N, C-alpha and C. Protein backbone atom coordinates (compact mmCIF):
# COMPACT_ATOMS: atom_id res chain seq x y z
N MET A 1 100.17 29.05 156.58
CA MET A 1 100.38 30.47 156.43
C MET A 1 99.55 31.00 155.26
N HIS A 2 99.55 30.28 154.15
CA HIS A 2 98.81 30.71 152.97
C HIS A 2 97.31 30.81 153.28
N THR A 3 96.78 29.88 154.05
CA THR A 3 95.37 29.87 154.40
C THR A 3 95.01 31.10 155.23
N GLN A 4 95.90 31.49 156.12
CA GLN A 4 95.65 32.66 156.96
C GLN A 4 95.49 33.92 156.09
N TYR A 5 96.38 34.10 155.13
CA TYR A 5 96.30 35.27 154.25
C TYR A 5 95.08 35.19 153.35
N SER A 6 94.75 34.01 152.86
CA SER A 6 93.56 33.85 152.02
C SER A 6 92.31 34.22 152.79
N HIS A 7 92.25 33.81 154.05
CA HIS A 7 91.10 34.14 154.89
C HIS A 7 90.99 35.65 155.09
N ARG A 8 92.12 36.32 155.31
CA ARG A 8 92.11 37.77 155.48
C ARG A 8 91.61 38.47 154.22
N ILE A 9 92.06 38.00 153.06
CA ILE A 9 91.63 38.60 151.80
C ILE A 9 90.14 38.38 151.58
N GLU A 10 89.66 37.16 151.83
CA GLU A 10 88.24 36.88 151.68
C GLU A 10 87.43 37.75 152.64
N ARG A 11 87.91 37.88 153.86
CA ARG A 11 87.21 38.69 154.87
C ARG A 11 87.18 40.15 154.45
N SER A 12 88.30 40.66 153.94
CA SER A 12 88.33 42.06 153.52
C SER A 12 87.41 42.29 152.32
N ASP A 13 87.30 41.30 151.44
CA ASP A 13 86.36 41.41 150.32
C ASP A 13 84.93 41.46 150.83
N ASP A 14 84.61 40.64 151.83
CA ASP A 14 83.27 40.66 152.43
C ASP A 14 82.97 42.01 153.06
N VAL A 15 83.94 42.55 153.77
CA VAL A 15 83.78 43.85 154.42
C VAL A 15 83.59 44.93 153.38
N LEU A 16 84.36 44.89 152.31
CA LEU A 16 84.24 45.88 151.25
C LEU A 16 82.85 45.82 150.60
N ARG A 17 82.36 44.63 150.33
CA ARG A 17 81.03 44.49 149.74
C ARG A 17 79.95 45.04 150.68
N ALA A 18 80.08 44.75 151.96
CA ALA A 18 79.11 45.26 152.94
C ALA A 18 79.16 46.79 153.00
N PHE A 19 80.36 47.34 152.99
CA PHE A 19 80.53 48.79 153.02
C PHE A 19 79.91 49.42 151.78
N GLN A 20 80.13 48.83 150.62
CA GLN A 20 79.56 49.36 149.38
C GLN A 20 78.04 49.34 149.42
N LYS A 21 77.44 48.32 150.00
CA LYS A 21 75.98 48.27 150.14
C LYS A 21 75.48 49.41 151.01
N ILE A 22 76.18 49.64 152.11
CA ILE A 22 75.79 50.73 153.02
C ILE A 22 75.89 52.07 152.31
N VAL A 23 76.99 52.30 151.62
CA VAL A 23 77.19 53.56 150.91
C VAL A 23 76.12 53.75 149.84
N ASN A 24 75.82 52.71 149.09
CA ASN A 24 74.81 52.80 148.04
C ASN A 24 73.43 53.12 148.60
N ARG A 25 73.13 52.64 149.79
CA ARG A 25 71.84 52.94 150.41
C ARG A 25 71.81 54.34 151.00
N ALA A 26 72.94 54.83 151.46
CA ALA A 26 72.97 56.09 152.20
C ALA A 26 73.26 57.32 151.35
N LEU A 27 73.88 57.13 150.19
CA LEU A 27 74.31 58.28 149.39
C LEU A 27 73.69 58.26 148.01
N ASP A 28 73.42 59.46 147.51
CA ASP A 28 72.97 59.62 146.13
C ASP A 28 73.99 60.48 145.41
N VAL A 29 74.38 60.06 144.23
CA VAL A 29 75.24 60.89 143.39
C VAL A 29 74.30 61.75 142.56
N VAL A 30 74.51 63.05 142.61
CA VAL A 30 73.62 63.99 141.93
C VAL A 30 74.40 64.86 140.96
N ASP A 31 73.69 65.47 140.04
CA ASP A 31 74.31 66.37 139.09
C ASP A 31 74.71 67.68 139.77
N ARG A 32 75.64 68.37 139.16
CA ARG A 32 76.03 69.69 139.64
C ARG A 32 74.87 70.66 139.48
N PRO A 33 74.74 71.61 140.40
CA PRO A 33 73.69 72.62 140.22
C PRO A 33 74.04 73.56 139.07
N THR A 34 73.03 74.11 138.44
CA THR A 34 73.26 75.06 137.35
C THR A 34 73.82 76.36 137.91
N LEU A 35 74.38 77.16 137.05
CA LEU A 35 74.94 78.45 137.46
C LEU A 35 73.87 79.33 138.10
N ASP A 36 72.66 79.33 137.55
CA ASP A 36 71.57 80.12 138.12
C ASP A 36 71.24 79.68 139.54
N VAL A 37 71.21 78.38 139.76
CA VAL A 37 70.93 77.87 141.10
C VAL A 37 72.05 78.26 142.05
N VAL A 38 73.29 78.11 141.63
CA VAL A 38 74.43 78.49 142.47
C VAL A 38 74.34 79.97 142.82
N GLN A 39 74.03 80.80 141.86
CA GLN A 39 73.94 82.24 142.12
C GLN A 39 72.84 82.57 143.12
N SER A 40 71.78 81.80 143.13
CA SER A 40 70.70 82.05 144.09
C SER A 40 71.12 81.76 145.53
N TYR A 41 72.17 80.97 145.71
CA TYR A 41 72.67 80.67 147.05
C TYR A 41 73.86 81.55 147.43
N ARG A 42 74.25 82.43 146.57
CA ARG A 42 75.40 83.30 146.80
C ARG A 42 75.24 84.17 148.05
N PRO A 43 74.04 84.63 148.43
CA PRO A 43 73.93 85.42 149.66
C PRO A 43 74.26 84.62 150.93
N TYR A 44 74.26 83.30 150.83
CA TYR A 44 74.45 82.45 152.01
C TYR A 44 75.84 81.84 152.12
N ALA A 45 76.66 82.04 151.09
CA ALA A 45 78.00 81.44 151.10
C ALA A 45 78.88 82.16 150.09
N ALA A 46 80.18 82.06 150.30
CA ALA A 46 81.14 82.61 149.34
C ALA A 46 80.97 81.90 148.00
N TRP A 47 81.42 82.55 146.94
CA TRP A 47 81.25 81.99 145.60
C TRP A 47 81.79 80.56 145.52
N SER A 48 82.94 80.31 146.12
CA SER A 48 83.55 78.98 146.04
C SER A 48 82.78 77.94 146.86
N ASP A 49 81.99 78.38 147.84
CA ASP A 49 81.22 77.47 148.68
C ASP A 49 79.77 77.33 148.23
N ALA A 50 79.28 78.28 147.47
CA ALA A 50 77.87 78.29 147.05
C ALA A 50 77.45 77.03 146.29
N PRO A 51 78.29 76.44 145.42
CA PRO A 51 77.85 75.21 144.73
C PRO A 51 77.54 74.06 145.69
N HIS A 52 78.32 73.95 146.76
CA HIS A 52 78.10 72.88 147.74
C HIS A 52 76.78 73.10 148.47
N LEU A 53 76.56 74.34 148.89
CA LEU A 53 75.32 74.66 149.59
C LEU A 53 74.12 74.50 148.66
N ALA A 54 74.24 74.97 147.44
CA ALA A 54 73.15 74.85 146.47
C ALA A 54 72.79 73.39 146.23
N CYS A 55 73.78 72.57 146.02
CA CYS A 55 73.55 71.16 145.74
C CYS A 55 72.88 70.47 146.94
N ALA A 56 73.40 70.70 148.12
CA ALA A 56 72.85 70.06 149.32
C ALA A 56 71.42 70.55 149.58
N SER A 57 71.21 71.83 149.47
CA SER A 57 69.89 72.39 149.75
C SER A 57 68.86 71.97 148.70
N GLU A 58 69.23 72.01 147.45
CA GLU A 58 68.31 71.64 146.37
C GLU A 58 67.92 70.16 146.42
N HIS A 59 68.75 69.34 147.04
CA HIS A 59 68.45 67.91 147.16
C HIS A 59 67.93 67.57 148.55
N THR A 60 67.43 68.59 149.23
CA THR A 60 66.79 68.47 150.55
C THR A 60 67.61 67.69 151.58
N CYS A 61 68.89 67.96 151.60
CA CYS A 61 69.74 67.37 152.63
C CYS A 61 69.47 68.07 153.96
N ARG A 62 69.54 67.34 155.02
CA ARG A 62 69.35 67.93 156.34
C ARG A 62 70.60 68.69 156.76
N TYR A 63 71.77 68.14 156.40
CA TYR A 63 73.04 68.73 156.81
C TYR A 63 73.96 68.93 155.61
N LEU A 64 74.72 70.00 155.67
CA LEU A 64 75.88 70.19 154.81
C LEU A 64 77.07 69.92 155.73
N VAL A 65 77.73 68.82 155.53
CA VAL A 65 78.80 68.39 156.43
C VAL A 65 80.11 69.05 155.98
N THR A 66 80.69 69.84 156.89
CA THR A 66 81.88 70.61 156.56
C THR A 66 82.65 70.97 157.83
N TYR A 67 83.95 71.13 157.69
CA TYR A 67 84.74 71.67 158.80
C TYR A 67 84.69 73.19 158.81
N ASN A 68 84.15 73.78 157.76
CA ASN A 68 84.10 75.24 157.62
C ASN A 68 82.69 75.77 157.84
N VAL A 69 82.11 75.45 158.97
CA VAL A 69 80.73 75.84 159.27
C VAL A 69 80.53 77.35 159.14
N SER A 70 81.51 78.12 159.57
CA SER A 70 81.37 79.58 159.55
C SER A 70 81.34 80.16 158.13
N ASP A 71 81.64 79.36 157.13
CA ASP A 71 81.59 79.82 155.74
C ASP A 71 80.17 79.87 155.19
N TYR A 72 79.21 79.35 155.95
CA TYR A 72 77.84 79.24 155.47
C TYR A 72 76.88 79.94 156.43
N ASP A 73 75.94 80.70 155.88
CA ASP A 73 74.86 81.30 156.66
C ASP A 73 73.58 80.57 156.27
N THR A 74 73.23 79.56 157.03
CA THR A 74 72.06 78.75 156.69
C THR A 74 70.86 79.08 157.57
N SER A 75 70.93 80.20 158.29
CA SER A 75 69.86 80.54 159.24
C SER A 75 68.50 80.70 158.57
N ASN A 76 68.45 81.07 157.31
CA ASN A 76 67.18 81.24 156.59
C ASN A 76 66.90 80.09 155.63
N LEU A 77 67.62 79.00 155.77
CA LEU A 77 67.45 77.85 154.87
C LEU A 77 67.04 76.62 155.67
N ASP A 78 66.50 75.63 154.99
CA ASP A 78 66.11 74.38 155.65
C ASP A 78 67.25 73.37 155.64
N ILE A 79 68.44 73.84 155.94
CA ILE A 79 69.62 72.98 155.99
C ILE A 79 70.55 73.55 157.05
N GLU A 80 71.31 72.69 157.67
CA GLU A 80 72.25 73.13 158.69
C GLU A 80 73.67 72.75 158.28
N ALA A 81 74.58 73.71 158.37
CA ALA A 81 76.00 73.41 158.18
C ALA A 81 76.51 72.87 159.51
N ALA A 82 77.10 71.69 159.49
CA ALA A 82 77.55 71.05 160.72
C ALA A 82 78.85 70.30 160.46
N GLU A 83 79.68 70.24 161.51
CA GLU A 83 80.94 69.51 161.41
C GLU A 83 80.67 68.00 161.42
N PRO A 84 81.57 67.22 160.82
CA PRO A 84 81.36 65.76 160.75
C PRO A 84 81.09 65.13 162.11
N GLY A 85 81.85 65.50 163.12
CA GLY A 85 81.65 64.92 164.44
C GLY A 85 80.27 65.19 165.00
N THR A 86 79.75 66.38 164.75
CA THR A 86 78.41 66.74 165.21
C THR A 86 77.37 65.85 164.55
N VAL A 87 77.51 65.65 163.25
CA VAL A 87 76.55 64.81 162.53
C VAL A 87 76.63 63.36 163.01
N VAL A 88 77.83 62.86 163.21
CA VAL A 88 78.00 61.48 163.70
C VAL A 88 77.35 61.32 165.07
N ARG A 89 77.55 62.28 165.97
CA ARG A 89 76.92 62.20 167.30
C ARG A 89 75.40 62.21 167.19
N ARG A 90 74.86 63.03 166.32
CA ARG A 90 73.40 63.08 166.15
C ARG A 90 72.86 61.78 165.58
N VAL A 91 73.58 61.20 164.64
CA VAL A 91 73.15 59.91 164.08
C VAL A 91 73.19 58.84 165.17
N ARG A 92 74.24 58.83 165.96
CA ARG A 92 74.34 57.84 167.05
C ARG A 92 73.19 58.00 168.03
N THR A 93 72.87 59.24 168.40
CA THR A 93 71.77 59.50 169.33
C THR A 93 70.45 59.03 168.73
N THR A 94 70.23 59.34 167.48
CA THR A 94 69.00 58.92 166.81
C THR A 94 68.88 57.40 166.78
N LEU A 95 69.97 56.73 166.45
CA LEU A 95 69.95 55.26 166.41
C LEU A 95 69.73 54.67 167.79
N ALA A 96 70.32 55.28 168.81
CA ALA A 96 70.17 54.77 170.17
C ALA A 96 68.73 54.92 170.66
N ASP A 97 68.03 55.92 170.15
CA ASP A 97 66.65 56.16 170.57
C ASP A 97 65.63 55.29 169.84
N LEU A 98 66.07 54.52 168.85
CA LEU A 98 65.13 53.67 168.10
C LEU A 98 64.67 52.49 168.91
């Protein structure tokens, strides 16, 4: 019985390490945008949403992933506000086409 639990713990540690590698390759932690930068995105989003849009746009993200797509007007920007499921489907399609 003890061996079974030890194996599960070792396996979960392996999975966690693999997940951390994937996250480290896929994500960048960035600084908050300055107030001036946030204000420049104010025409495209409410004040409370503008920092998210500013940060994503300034770091050349393709998507701003949100459940509140209608809170953002990205029609004149090089970024798209999209729901998580939409982004996941697009990633799956892209990977399938490789």
